[in-house]
Amino acid sequence: MSTILKTSHIWYLNKTSLVRFEAAGNRIQRIESGALEYFPDSFESGNFRDNVFSIGEYLFDLMSICITFLDVSESFSSHNVFTSYTEECIDPEDTVTVKSENNLIDKVSFYVKTKSKDSDFIIPVPNKLKTFLISSSTLKYEISKISFTENELNSLSFSNNVLYTWTGPVTNVKNLTFLDLSSNYCSNVSKSFFSKDFINLKYLQLQNNLLGQVMLTDSDGEIFQNLHNVSTVNLSNNKITNIPILFFKKQHNLENLDLSENMIDEINFKISHMKKLMVLNLRNNRISKLSKFTMDALDSVATTNTNLTIDLGGNNLVCNCDSMSFIHWMIDTPTRLYRRKKYKCKLSNDTTIFLRNPKEVYETLKTKCMSYAGIIFGLTSGILMFMFILLGGISYRYRWKLRYLYYMVKVKWHQRGNESGNIDERLYMYDAFVSYADDDQTFVHNILLYKLEKIGGIQLCLHKRNFLPGNDIATNITSAIHNSRKTIVIMSSKYLASYWCMFEYNMARMESIYERNCENILFLIFYKQISACDLPLQILELVHCQSYIEYPNDEYGDVVFWEQLTRAVKS
């Protein structure tokens, strides 16, 4: 049976100098209204653990006593105290008159709304209360929008309950320095839960919850954005796999950060701004090594704070070629490694060693890894250099062939189906393509065109007359050479200096080799005298191997020249 603490039970305490009142384990459900007034002014501490309190009018009497410490932990109720039972004399919408500690009449508005997610819950607390404990009480609620009456709360503990969602905001806690919400199976905390009223909070206990997933979504550090003065944060055993880089961006005064007993494999969050950090507990995670970003950040903090200590015990540390920088950092870092000699490290052959002497391990890895690295680097560099030189040489050696093949593919793609596979039966659009420099166009258009086309009946292809508009120059040149039986080259010093003239010459040479079975289709006419030493090697080679014609300066030679040229083109 439940118990009611009546006025008659504590009537005579008013005449005492009682400081502490013990009432644990009495199955007290409620207190008679007005009974608390009989506690003396000396009353400071109350222990009401292991009872079964329900909401009642007596809650307002709390504000009239001078108590500074109140413990109602381990309270258990077999019903939902917020929805099933309240004293009949309480109307949640009423204004209740209570006595304050200086016997003045105050009006306190107390209301509970549990039907809506946006419900407000004002918790009445003694004005002088500094410590309030309600741990291990099987409270199963969402912490919605709540506030406390005027108070001097310094320490608040709701640990070991089932407060599964923290929505908030929680307000009127400006004096609070210690908050314990550990072991509540919480998996969701809103970005507005820690309001600006938590400005003086220094110690935050959040261990043994399920905050890992919600932390991943807080990329801008909004959950802790109002906790500027917090010095200790315990997030151990929260199923954390990763922490966003800016999650702790506002915690400049952080001294102790506990992330042990999680599933973290890499430290990605920013540390360098935590100049007061003294302890970083990463014990029993899944870390194999620290990144350069993290090592540099720790060293930056350790240069100003020589007491910085990090605990990496119980992690999956590895000692291989990839972690050499991490092993070397352990030797020289000013950061203190807590119980480093107990750290275990797995080698590449899956054997495990203790990191009693990181320098010795580093030297061993350096010898082993550098030998392999040197051989691999040397072989790789040699092979790459050889392939580069080989490909470069091949590309240069066959540069004109490759360019010719490229343009021929484009030409044949547009002319597919128009040519016979037999070269002897192939029909050409032109008898000859004329390759010349622009400075020699007067000779070509006024003399050569008249002699060969008007008189000799030879169909010539000239780039200014026969090239198709819209095609690029290189494609037009290759197509013209391919569709002409011969190629006439008007050789001069201007011709040798022209890029496109030399392009035409080399394309004609490739055509004769790869399309005409080495047939001589090139006719070189030296329009002006050129010294042999001024001729490029590929032209000089053709001059030595095949015939060429020099344009004559006399009238008789001129007649013979045009007759021979006409006969050669038509053959």
Protein backbone atom coordinates (compact mmCIF):
# COMPACT_ATOMS: atom_id res chain seq x y z
CA MET A 1 0.00 0.00 0.00
CA SER A 2 1.19 3.50 -0.78
CA THR A 3 1.88 5.97 1.99
CA ILE A 4 0.82 9.58 2.48
CA LEU A 5 3.21 11.75 4.45
CA LYS A 6 0.86 13.71 6.72
CA THR A 7 1.21 16.88 8.72
CA SER A 8 0.94 14.92 11.95
CA HIS A 9 4.08 12.95 11.03
CA ILE A 10 6.30 16.02 10.94
CA TRP A 11 4.31 18.44 13.15
CA TYR A 12 6.97 18.90 15.81
CA LEU A 13 9.96 19.20 13.42
CA ASN A 14 9.24 22.91 13.17
CA LYS A 15 10.67 23.36 16.67
CA THR A 16 13.99 21.65 15.79
CA SER A 17 17.17 22.68 13.99
CA LEU A 18 16.86 19.78 11.53
CA VAL A 19 19.31 19.98 8.59
CA ARG A 20 18.83 16.68 6.77
CA PHE A 21 15.68 14.56 6.46
CA GLU A 22 15.88 10.86 5.43
CA ALA A 23 12.69 9.24 4.09
CA ALA A 24 14.01 6.70 1.56
CA GLY A 25 12.19 3.42 0.93
CA ASN A 26 8.81 4.33 2.48
CA ARG A 27 6.48 3.87 -0.54
CA ILE A 28 5.45 7.53 -0.19
CA GLN A 29 3.06 8.46 -3.01
CA ARG A 30 2.16 12.00 -2.01
CA ILE A 31 2.45 14.52 0.82
CA GLU A 32 -0.48 16.14 2.57
CA SER A 33 -0.98 19.71 1.41
CA GLY A 34 0.66 22.18 3.81
CA ALA A 35 2.72 19.55 5.63
CA LEU A 36 6.02 20.76 4.17
CA GLU A 37 5.55 24.11 5.91
CA TYR A 38 6.44 22.45 9.20
CA PHE A 39 10.00 21.77 8.19
CA PRO A 40 12.25 24.26 10.01
CA ASP A 41 14.20 27.03 8.28
CA SER A 42 17.39 25.03 8.96
CA PHE A 43 16.19 22.22 6.64
CA GLU A 44 18.73 21.97 3.74
CA SER A 45 18.82 18.40 2.46
CA GLY A 46 16.14 15.80 1.76
CA ASN A 47 16.53 12.14 0.75
CA PHE A 48 13.29 10.73 -0.70
CA ARG A 49 14.81 7.92 -2.78
CA ASP A 50 12.92 4.69 -3.52
CA ASN A 51 9.37 6.04 -3.17
CA VAL A 52 6.41 6.20 -5.61
CA PHE A 53 5.55 9.87 -5.90
CA SER A 54 2.63 11.09 -8.01
CA ILE A 55 1.72 14.63 -8.97
CA GLY A 56 -0.25 16.47 -6.29
CA GLU A 57 -0.94 19.82 -4.70
CA TYR A 58 2.01 19.30 -2.37
CA LEU A 59 4.38 20.13 -5.28
CA PHE A 60 3.58 23.82 -4.81
CA ASP A 61 4.61 23.60 -1.19
CA LEU A 62 8.14 22.82 -2.39
CA MET A 63 8.64 26.45 -3.36
CA SER A 64 8.09 27.55 0.25
CA ILE A 65 10.98 25.58 1.82
CA CYS A 66 14.65 26.51 1.96
CA ILE A 67 15.98 23.12 0.86
CA THR A 68 19.13 23.15 -1.30
CA PHE A 69 19.50 19.40 -1.96
CA LEU A 70 16.70 17.06 -3.04
CA ASP A 71 17.07 13.41 -4.06
CA VAL A 72 13.98 11.57 -5.39
CA SER A 73 15.90 8.96 -7.37
CA GLU A 74 14.85 5.33 -7.77
CA SER A 75 11.20 6.38 -7.69
CA PHE A 76 8.87 3.94 -9.39
CA SER A 77 5.21 4.26 -10.25
CA SER A 78 3.13 1.50 -11.82
CA HIS A 79 1.09 4.06 -13.75
CA ASN A 80 1.73 7.07 -15.95
CA VAL A 81 1.78 9.91 -13.47
CA PHE A 82 1.17 12.52 -16.16
CA THR A 83 -2.02 11.03 -17.64
CA SER A 84 -3.77 8.72 -15.16
CA TYR A 85 -3.68 10.17 -11.67
CA THR A 86 -3.67 13.61 -10.11
CA GLU A 87 -5.32 14.77 -6.95
CA GLU A 88 -8.93 15.81 -7.46
CA CYS A 89 -8.32 19.23 -6.00
CA ILE A 90 -5.87 20.11 -8.78
CA ASP A 91 -7.13 21.70 -11.97
CA PRO A 92 -4.25 22.09 -14.45
CA GLU A 93 -5.69 25.37 -15.69
CA ASP A 94 -6.23 26.89 -12.24
CA THR A 95 -4.04 29.40 -10.47
CA VAL A 96 -3.06 27.98 -7.08
CA THR A 97 -2.31 30.10 -4.03
CA VAL A 98 0.65 28.94 -1.99
CA LYS A 99 2.79 30.32 0.79
CA SER A 100 6.29 31.49 -0.05
CA GLU A 101 9.25 31.19 2.30
CA ASN A 102 8.68 34.71 3.71
CA ASN A 103 4.97 33.94 4.21
CA LEU A 104 3.80 36.18 1.38
CA ILE A 105 1.00 35.03 -0.90
CA ASP A 106 2.12 34.39 -4.50
CA LYS A 107 0.16 33.23 -7.44
CA VAL A 108 1.86 30.43 -9.37
CA SER A 109 0.54 29.16 -12.66
CA PHE A 110 1.14 25.42 -12.96
CA TYR A 111 -0.03 23.53 -15.99
CA VAL A 112 0.64 20.21 -17.66
CA LYS A 113 -0.30 19.49 -21.24
CA THR A 114 0.64 16.03 -22.44
CA LYS A 115 -1.66 15.57 -25.40
CA SER A 116 0.34 17.72 -27.82
CA LYS A 117 3.93 17.49 -29.00
CA ASP A 118 4.24 21.24 -28.38
CA SER A 119 3.23 20.85 -24.73
CA ASP A 120 4.77 23.07 -22.05
CA PHE A 121 5.69 21.68 -18.66
CA ILE A 122 6.65 24.05 -15.87
CA ILE A 123 8.40 22.22 -13.03
CA PRO A 124 8.02 23.83 -9.57
CA VAL A 125 11.24 23.65 -7.55
CA PRO A 126 12.31 25.22 -4.24
CA ASN A 127 13.69 28.69 -4.76
CA LYS A 128 17.00 27.86 -3.07
CA LEU A 129 17.40 24.38 -4.54
CA LYS A 130 20.88 23.77 -5.96
CA THR A 131 20.98 19.99 -6.51
CA PHE A 132 18.10 17.90 -7.82
CA LEU A 133 18.45 14.13 -8.43
CA ILE A 134 15.79 12.02 -10.11
CA SER A 135 17.93 9.15 -11.46
CA SER A 136 16.92 5.51 -12.00
CA SER A 137 13.23 6.31 -11.80
CA THR A 138 12.02 4.56 -14.99
CA LEU A 139 10.70 7.84 -16.40
CA LYS A 140 9.54 7.07 -19.96
CA TYR A 141 8.93 10.38 -21.68
CA GLU A 142 10.00 12.70 -24.43
CA ILE A 143 11.59 15.83 -22.99
CA SER A 144 9.47 18.41 -24.75
CA LYS A 145 9.37 22.13 -24.03
CA ILE A 146 9.93 22.47 -20.27
CA SER A 147 10.90 25.22 -17.89
CA PHE A 148 11.65 25.52 -14.17
CA THR A 149 10.24 28.04 -11.72
CA GLU A 150 12.68 30.60 -10.30
CA ASN A 151 15.61 28.65 -8.90
CA GLU A 152 19.30 28.46 -8.13
CA LEU A 153 19.75 24.99 -9.67
CA ASN A 154 23.39 24.12 -9.98
CA SER A 155 23.29 20.36 -10.53
CA LEU A 156 20.59 18.29 -12.25
CA SER A 157 20.56 14.53 -12.82
CA PHE A 158 18.03 12.57 -14.91
CA SER A 159 20.32 9.58 -15.53
CA ASN A 160 19.24 5.97 -15.99
CA ASN A 161 15.68 6.64 -17.15
CA VAL A 162 14.03 6.25 -20.57
CA LEU A 163 13.95 9.84 -21.77
CA TYR A 164 14.23 8.65 -25.36
CA THR A 165 13.88 11.97 -27.22
CA TRP A 166 15.14 15.40 -26.23
CA THR A 167 13.11 18.00 -28.09
CA GLY A 168 13.10 20.98 -25.75
CA PRO A 169 13.99 23.71 -25.47
CA VAL A 170 14.77 23.58 -21.73
CA THR A 171 14.73 27.04 -20.20
CA ASN A 172 15.31 28.90 -16.91
CA VAL A 173 18.49 26.96 -16.06
CA LYS A 174 20.94 29.86 -16.19
CA ASN A 175 22.71 28.78 -12.97
CA LEU A 176 23.09 25.14 -14.03
CA THR A 177 26.70 23.91 -14.19
CA PHE A 178 26.18 20.11 -14.07
CA LEU A 179 23.69 18.11 -16.20
CA ASP A 180 23.47 14.31 -16.28
CA LEU A 181 21.29 12.74 -18.98
CA SER A 182 23.24 9.51 -19.26
CA SER A 183 21.71 6.04 -19.77
CA ASN A 184 18.39 7.21 -21.21
CA TYR A 185 18.29 5.24 -24.50
CA CYS A 186 18.04 8.60 -26.28
CA SER A 187 18.45 8.43 -30.05
CA ASN A 188 17.29 11.92 -30.99
CA VAL A 189 18.20 15.36 -29.71
CA SER A 190 16.95 18.49 -31.43
CA LYS A 191 19.18 21.42 -32.35
CA SER A 192 17.17 23.67 -30.02
CA PHE A 193 17.20 21.42 -26.93
CA PHE A 194 20.19 23.15 -25.31
CA SER A 195 18.82 26.69 -25.22
CA LYS A 196 20.79 29.86 -24.53
CA ASP A 197 19.90 29.43 -20.83
CA PHE A 198 22.63 26.74 -20.64
CA ILE A 199 25.25 29.46 -20.83
CA ASN A 200 26.95 28.42 -17.56
CA LEU A 201 26.85 24.67 -18.08
CA LYS A 202 30.29 23.14 -17.47
CA TYR A 203 29.77 19.40 -17.03
CA LEU A 204 27.60 17.45 -19.48
CA GLN A 205 27.14 13.70 -19.01
CA LEU A 206 25.55 12.00 -22.06
CA GLN A 207 27.14 8.56 -21.94
CA ASN A 208 25.26 5.31 -22.56
CA ASN A 209 22.75 6.68 -25.06
CA LEU A 210 22.20 6.18 -28.80
CA LEU A 211 23.26 9.56 -30.18
CA GLY A 212 25.55 8.30 -32.95
CA GLN A 213 23.07 8.69 -35.82
CA VAL A 214 21.74 12.13 -34.88
CA MET A 215 25.32 13.44 -34.48
CA LEU A 216 26.07 12.52 -38.09
CA THR A 217 23.35 14.93 -39.28
CA ASP A 218 24.70 17.91 -37.34
CA SER A 219 27.29 19.09 -39.84
CA ASP A 220 27.23 22.72 -38.57
CA GLY A 221 27.53 22.01 -34.84
CA GLU A 222 24.07 23.33 -33.96
CA ILE A 223 23.27 20.86 -31.16
CA PHE A 224 26.02 22.24 -28.87
CA GLN A 225 26.10 25.76 -30.32
CA ASN A 226 24.92 27.41 -27.05
CA LEU A 227 27.29 25.48 -24.76
CA HIS A 228 30.14 27.98 -24.92
CA ASN A 229 31.48 27.36 -21.41
CA VAL A 230 31.21 23.58 -21.18
CA SER A 231 34.47 22.05 -19.96
CA THR A 232 33.57 18.34 -19.75
CA VAL A 233 31.53 16.33 -22.25
CA ASN A 234 31.04 12.59 -21.89
CA LEU A 235 29.74 10.90 -25.06
CA SER A 236 31.08 7.43 -24.37
CA ASN A 237 29.09 4.36 -25.43
CA ASN A 238 26.79 6.16 -27.87
CA LYS A 239 27.22 4.02 -31.03
CA ILE A 240 29.15 6.86 -32.66
CA THR A 241 30.81 5.97 -35.98
CA ASN A 242 31.86 9.42 -37.15
CA ILE A 243 31.70 13.02 -35.93
CA PRO A 244 31.26 15.95 -38.38
CA ILE A 245 34.19 18.33 -38.61
CA LEU A 246 32.34 21.30 -37.06
CA PHE A 247 30.40 19.42 -34.38
CA PHE A 248 32.44 20.96 -31.51
CA LYS A 249 33.12 24.30 -33.21
CA LYS A 250 31.82 26.42 -30.27
CA GLN A 251 33.55 24.48 -27.49
CA HIS A 252 36.63 26.67 -27.01
CA ASN A 253 36.71 25.97 -23.25
CA LEU A 254 36.49 22.20 -23.49
CA GLU A 255 38.96 20.45 -21.17
CA ASN A 256 37.76 16.85 -21.05
CA LEU A 257 36.18 15.01 -23.99
CA ASP A 258 35.25 11.36 -23.54
CA LEU A 259 34.46 9.44 -26.76
CA SER A 260 35.41 5.99 -25.51
CA GLU A 261 33.46 2.78 -26.11
CA ASN A 262 32.17 3.85 -29.53
CA MET A 263 32.74 2.69 -33.13
CA ILE A 264 34.87 5.59 -34.39
CA ASP A 265 37.43 4.59 -37.03
CA GLU A 266 38.80 8.05 -37.85
CA ILE A 267 38.95 11.42 -36.08
CA ASN A 268 37.62 14.04 -38.49
CA PHE A 269 36.27 16.77 -36.22
CA LYS A 270 38.14 20.03 -35.57
CA ILE A 271 40.34 20.07 -32.46
CA SER A 272 42.84 22.88 -33.02
CA HIS A 273 40.57 25.56 -31.47
CA MET A 274 40.30 23.63 -28.15
CA LYS A 275 43.31 25.31 -26.55
CA LYS A 276 42.28 24.21 -23.03
CA LEU A 277 41.80 20.54 -23.89
CA MET A 278 43.51 18.31 -21.34
CA VAL A 279 42.02 14.84 -21.87
CA LEU A 280 40.77 13.24 -25.08
CA ASN A 281 39.55 9.73 -24.35
CA LEU A 282 39.30 7.57 -27.49
CA ARG A 283 39.64 4.24 -25.74
CA ASN A 284 38.00 1.11 -27.20
CA ASN A 285 37.07 2.45 -30.63
CA ARG A 286 38.08 1.16 -34.07
CA ILE A 287 40.92 3.57 -34.85
CA SER A 288 43.81 2.08 -36.85
CA LYS A 289 45.86 5.29 -37.07
CA LEU A 290 45.47 9.05 -36.77
CA SER A 291 45.31 11.20 -39.89
CA LYS A 292 47.79 14.01 -40.53
CA PHE A 293 44.95 16.49 -39.94
CA THR A 294 44.36 15.10 -36.45
CA MET A 295 48.05 14.76 -35.54
CA ASP A 296 48.75 18.36 -36.57
CA ALA A 297 45.72 19.57 -34.59
CA LEU A 298 46.79 17.71 -31.44
CA ASP A 299 50.34 19.06 -31.73
CA SER A 300 48.94 22.57 -32.16
CA VAL A 301 46.98 22.25 -28.90
CA ALA A 302 49.84 20.54 -27.07
CA THR A 303 52.23 23.41 -27.79
CA THR A 304 50.07 25.72 -25.67
CA ASN A 305 48.71 23.13 -23.27
CA THR A 306 51.44 20.77 -22.11
CA ASN A 307 48.95 18.70 -20.09
CA LEU A 308 47.11 17.38 -23.14
CA THR A 309 46.61 13.61 -22.80
CA ILE A 310 45.05 11.24 -25.32
CA ASP A 311 44.02 7.64 -24.64
CA LEU A 312 44.14 5.30 -27.65
CA GLY A 313 44.07 2.05 -25.71
CA GLY A 314 41.87 -0.78 -26.96
CA ASN A 315 41.85 0.41 -30.58
CA ASN A 316 42.78 -1.53 -33.74
CA LEU A 317 46.15 0.18 -34.21
CA VAL A 318 48.24 -1.07 -37.14
CA CYS A 319 51.98 -0.93 -37.74
CA ASN A 320 52.60 -1.11 -41.48
CA CYS A 321 53.96 1.01 -44.29
CA ASP A 322 50.77 3.10 -44.44
CA SER A 323 50.92 4.03 -40.75
CA MET A 324 54.61 5.01 -40.59
CA SER A 325 53.80 8.71 -40.17
CA PHE A 326 51.53 7.86 -37.23
CA ILE A 327 54.23 5.74 -35.53
CA HIS A 328 56.77 8.52 -36.09
CA TRP A 329 54.33 11.03 -34.58
CA MET A 330 54.10 8.93 -31.41
CA ILE A 331 57.87 9.34 -30.98
CA ASP A 332 58.08 13.13 -31.27
CA THR A 333 54.65 14.46 -30.32
CA PRO A 334 54.35 16.71 -27.24
CA THR A 335 50.93 15.09 -26.65
CA ARG A 336 50.95 12.63 -23.75
CA LEU A 337 49.80 9.14 -24.73
CA TYR A 338 48.07 7.60 -21.75
CA ARG A 339 49.50 4.13 -20.90
CA ARG A 340 51.14 3.93 -24.30
CA LYS A 341 53.12 0.83 -23.37
CA LYS A 342 49.85 -1.07 -23.18
CA TYR A 343 48.88 -0.17 -26.76
CA LYS A 344 48.67 -3.13 -29.11
CA CYS A 345 49.62 -2.84 -32.75
CA LYS A 346 49.01 -5.31 -35.59
CA LEU A 347 51.82 -5.92 -38.09
CA SER A 348 51.36 -6.66 -41.79
CA ASN A 349 51.75 -10.40 -41.08
CA ASP A 350 48.78 -10.22 -38.62
CA THR A 351 50.96 -10.64 -35.54
CA THR A 352 50.30 -8.29 -32.63
CA ILE A 353 52.97 -6.43 -30.65
CA PHE A 354 53.00 -3.91 -27.80
CA LEU A 355 54.10 -0.36 -28.62
CA ARG A 356 56.60 -0.18 -25.77
CA ASN A 357 59.24 1.31 -28.05
CA PRO A 358 57.69 3.19 -31.02
CA LYS A 359 61.11 4.32 -32.23
CA GLU A 360 62.30 0.74 -32.67
CA VAL A 361 59.07 -0.17 -34.48
CA TYR A 362 59.45 2.87 -36.74
CA GLU A 363 63.05 2.04 -37.67
CA THR A 364 62.04 -1.53 -38.52
CA LEU A 365 59.17 -0.34 -40.69
CA LYS A 366 61.37 2.30 -42.31
CA THR A 367 63.94 -0.29 -43.39
CA LYS A 368 61.31 -2.70 -44.62
CA CYS A 369 59.03 -0.23 -46.33
CA MET A 370 61.76 1.90 -47.88
CA SER A 371 63.34 -1.12 -49.58
CA TYR A 372 60.07 -2.11 -51.14
CA ALA A 373 59.13 1.45 -51.82
CA GLY A 374 62.47 2.17 -53.51
CA ILE A 375 62.26 -0.87 -55.75
CA ILE A 376 58.64 -0.23 -56.63
CA PHE A 377 59.26 3.46 -57.24
CA GLY A 378 62.36 2.78 -59.33
CA LEU A 379 60.70 0.09 -61.44
CA THR A 380 57.56 2.12 -61.91
CA SER A 381 59.49 5.25 -62.84
CA GLY A 382 61.71 3.31 -65.23
CA ILE A 383 58.80 1.60 -66.95
CA LEU A 384 56.85 4.83 -67.23
CA MET A 385 59.85 6.71 -68.58
CA PHE A 386 60.59 3.93 -71.09
CA MET A 387 56.97 3.84 -72.23
CA PHE A 388 56.92 7.62 -72.52
CA ILE A 389 60.07 7.71 -74.62
CA LEU A 390 58.92 4.76 -76.72
CA LEU A 391 55.51 6.24 -77.39
CA GLY A 392 57.07 9.62 -78.05
CA GLY A 393 59.54 8.12 -80.51
CA ILE A 394 56.88 6.10 -82.28
CA SER A 395 54.55 9.07 -82.44
CA TYR A 396 57.30 11.27 -83.89
CA ARG A 397 58.53 8.60 -86.30
CA TYR A 398 55.08 7.95 -87.68
CA ARG A 399 53.57 11.37 -87.04
CA TRP A 400 52.61 11.96 -90.65
CA LYS A 401 51.25 8.47 -91.08
CA LEU A 402 49.10 8.87 -87.98
CA ARG A 403 47.80 12.22 -89.13
CA TYR A 404 47.19 10.86 -92.61
CA LEU A 405 45.27 7.87 -91.26
CA TYR A 406 43.17 10.13 -89.06
CA TYR A 407 42.14 12.39 -91.93
CA MET A 408 41.66 9.48 -94.31
CA VAL A 409 39.18 7.95 -91.89
CA LYS A 410 37.24 11.21 -91.96
CA VAL A 411 37.41 11.38 -95.76
CA LYS A 412 36.35 7.77 -96.30
CA TRP A 413 33.56 8.12 -93.76
CA HIS A 414 31.99 10.83 -95.94
CA GLN A 415 32.77 8.97 -99.18
CA ARG A 416 31.88 5.43 -98.07
CA GLY A 417 30.33 3.34 -100.84
CA ASN A 418 31.62 5.62 -103.64
CA GLU A 419 34.97 3.84 -104.29
CA SER A 420 35.80 0.46 -105.66
CA GLY A 421 38.10 -1.79 -103.73
CA ASN A 422 40.33 -2.30 -106.83
CA ILE A 423 42.83 0.55 -107.27
CA ASP A 424 43.25 -0.10 -111.02
CA GLU A 425 39.53 0.41 -111.61
CA ARG A 426 39.28 3.43 -109.35
CA LEU A 427 37.93 6.63 -110.89
CA TYR A 428 39.50 9.93 -109.79
CA MET A 429 37.76 13.28 -109.65
CA TYR A 430 40.90 15.13 -110.76
CA ASP A 431 43.96 14.31 -112.83
CA ALA A 432 46.26 16.26 -110.52
CA PHE A 433 46.21 18.23 -107.30
CA VAL A 434 48.42 21.30 -107.37
CA SER A 435 50.28 22.12 -104.14
CA TYR A 436 51.74 25.62 -104.11
CA ALA A 437 52.49 28.59 -101.88
CA ASP A 438 50.29 31.70 -102.05
CA ASP A 439 53.27 33.74 -103.26
CA ASP A 440 53.46 31.50 -106.36
CA GLN A 441 49.76 31.67 -107.24
CA THR A 442 50.38 34.02 -110.19
CA PHE A 443 52.41 31.32 -111.93
CA VAL A 444 49.87 28.64 -111.08
CA HIS A 445 46.71 30.52 -112.09
CA ASN A 446 48.08 32.36 -115.15
CA ILE A 447 50.52 29.85 -116.66
CA LEU A 448 50.19 26.34 -115.20
CA LEU A 449 46.39 26.35 -115.33
CA TYR A 450 46.40 27.55 -118.96
CA LYS A 451 49.09 25.13 -120.16
CA LEU A 452 47.75 21.98 -118.50
CA GLU A 453 44.01 22.53 -118.26
CA LYS A 454 43.16 24.72 -121.26
CA ILE A 455 45.70 23.27 -123.70
CA GLY A 456 46.53 19.85 -122.24
CA GLY A 457 42.98 18.92 -121.19
CA ILE A 458 44.05 17.94 -117.68
CA GLN A 459 41.58 18.46 -114.85
CA LEU A 460 43.39 20.20 -112.01
CA CYS A 461 42.40 20.64 -108.34
CA LEU A 462 43.32 24.01 -106.83
CA HIS A 463 42.61 24.78 -103.22
CA LYS A 464 41.22 28.26 -103.95
CA ARG A 465 38.86 26.89 -106.55
CA ASN A 466 37.92 23.32 -105.66
CA PHE A 467 38.00 22.98 -101.87
CA LEU A 468 34.58 22.37 -100.28
CA PRO A 469 33.42 25.22 -98.03
CA GLY A 470 32.57 24.15 -94.46
CA ASN A 471 35.25 21.43 -94.22
CA ASP A 472 38.44 22.09 -92.26
CA ILE A 473 41.59 22.71 -94.29
CA ALA A 474 43.33 19.45 -93.37
CA THR A 475 40.32 17.35 -94.42
CA ASN A 476 40.01 19.25 -97.70
CA ILE A 477 43.71 18.71 -98.46
CA THR A 478 43.62 15.00 -97.69
CA SER A 479 40.41 14.53 -99.71
CA ALA A 480 41.82 16.44 -102.70
CA ILE A 481 45.04 14.37 -102.75
CA HIS A 482 43.09 11.14 -102.33
CA ASN A 483 40.73 12.01 -105.20
CA SER A 484 43.52 13.12 -107.59
CA ARG A 485 45.57 10.79 -109.75
CA LYS A 486 48.78 12.80 -109.27
CA THR A 487 50.07 15.60 -107.09
CA ILE A 488 52.10 18.45 -108.58
CA VAL A 489 54.32 20.35 -106.13
CA ILE A 490 55.45 23.87 -107.10
CA MET A 491 58.66 23.95 -105.03
CA SER A 492 60.09 27.29 -103.90
CA SER A 493 61.57 28.84 -100.78
CA LYS A 494 58.12 30.19 -99.89
CA TYR A 495 56.72 26.66 -100.22
CA LEU A 496 59.27 25.32 -97.72
CA ALA A 497 58.37 28.07 -95.24
CA SER A 498 54.62 27.34 -95.38
CA TYR A 499 53.12 24.92 -92.80
CA TRP A 500 50.17 23.97 -94.99
CA CYS A 501 52.38 23.45 -98.04
CA MET A 502 54.53 21.00 -96.13
CA PHE A 503 51.37 19.38 -94.81
CA GLU A 504 50.19 18.86 -98.43
CA TYR A 505 53.56 17.43 -99.40
CA ASN A 506 53.62 14.91 -96.52
CA MET A 507 50.00 13.90 -97.06
CA ALA A 508 50.77 13.20 -100.74
CA ARG A 509 53.79 11.17 -99.72
CA MET A 510 51.67 9.11 -97.29
CA GLU A 511 49.03 8.64 -100.01
CA SER A 512 51.62 7.20 -102.40
CA ILE A 513 52.97 4.81 -99.75
CA TYR A 514 49.80 3.53 -98.05
CA GLU A 515 47.05 3.95 -100.67
CA ARG A 516 48.85 3.61 -104.04
CA ASN A 517 51.27 0.74 -103.22
CA CYS A 518 54.31 3.04 -103.38
CA GLU A 519 53.29 4.39 -106.81
CA ASN A 520 55.08 7.60 -107.72
CA ILE A 521 52.31 10.19 -107.68
CA LEU A 522 54.47 13.18 -106.69
CA PHE A 523 55.86 15.53 -109.35
CA LEU A 524 58.26 18.15 -108.04
CA ILE A 525 58.61 21.32 -110.10
CA PHE A 526 61.39 23.59 -108.86
CA TYR A 527 59.90 26.89 -109.85
CA LYS A 528 62.86 28.80 -108.44
CA GLN A 529 66.44 27.75 -107.83
CA ILE A 530 66.94 26.25 -104.32
CA SER A 531 70.22 25.09 -102.82
CA ALA A 532 70.34 21.41 -101.79
CA CYS A 533 71.41 22.39 -98.27
CA ASP A 534 68.15 24.36 -97.87
CA LEU A 535 65.96 21.36 -98.66
CA PRO A 536 64.44 19.33 -95.80
CA LEU A 537 65.60 15.75 -95.47
CA GLN A 538 62.31 14.18 -96.64
CA ILE A 539 62.31 16.32 -99.82
CA LEU A 540 66.00 15.78 -100.48
CA GLU A 541 65.42 12.03 -100.15
CA LEU A 542 62.66 12.17 -102.77
CA VAL A 543 64.81 14.26 -105.10
CA HIS A 544 67.58 11.64 -104.94
CA CYS A 545 65.26 8.69 -105.43
CA GLN A 546 62.83 10.06 -108.02
CA SER A 547 62.87 12.47 -110.92
CA TYR A 548 62.07 16.13 -110.62
CA ILE A 549 61.71 18.95 -113.10
CA GLU A 550 63.20 22.42 -113.02
CA TYR A 551 61.18 25.22 -114.58
CA PRO A 552 63.22 26.42 -117.63
CA ASN A 553 64.20 29.98 -118.39
CA ASP A 554 64.41 29.68 -122.19
CA GLU A 555 61.67 29.40 -124.81
CA TYR A 556 62.70 26.02 -126.23
CA GLY A 557 63.02 24.47 -122.81
CA ASP A 558 59.62 25.84 -121.92
CA VAL A 559 57.94 23.91 -124.76
CA VAL A 560 59.68 20.67 -123.83
CA PHE A 561 58.86 21.21 -120.12
CA TRP A 562 55.11 21.47 -120.68
CA GLU A 563 55.03 18.54 -123.07
CA GLN A 564 56.85 16.27 -120.64
CA LEU A 565 54.72 17.43 -117.71
CA THR A 566 51.48 16.85 -119.65
CA ARG A 567 52.63 13.38 -120.69
CA ALA A 568 53.67 12.47 -117.12
CA VAL A 569 50.39 13.57 -115.58
CA LYS A 570 48.31 11.68 -118.12
CA SER A 571 50.33 8.48 -117.86
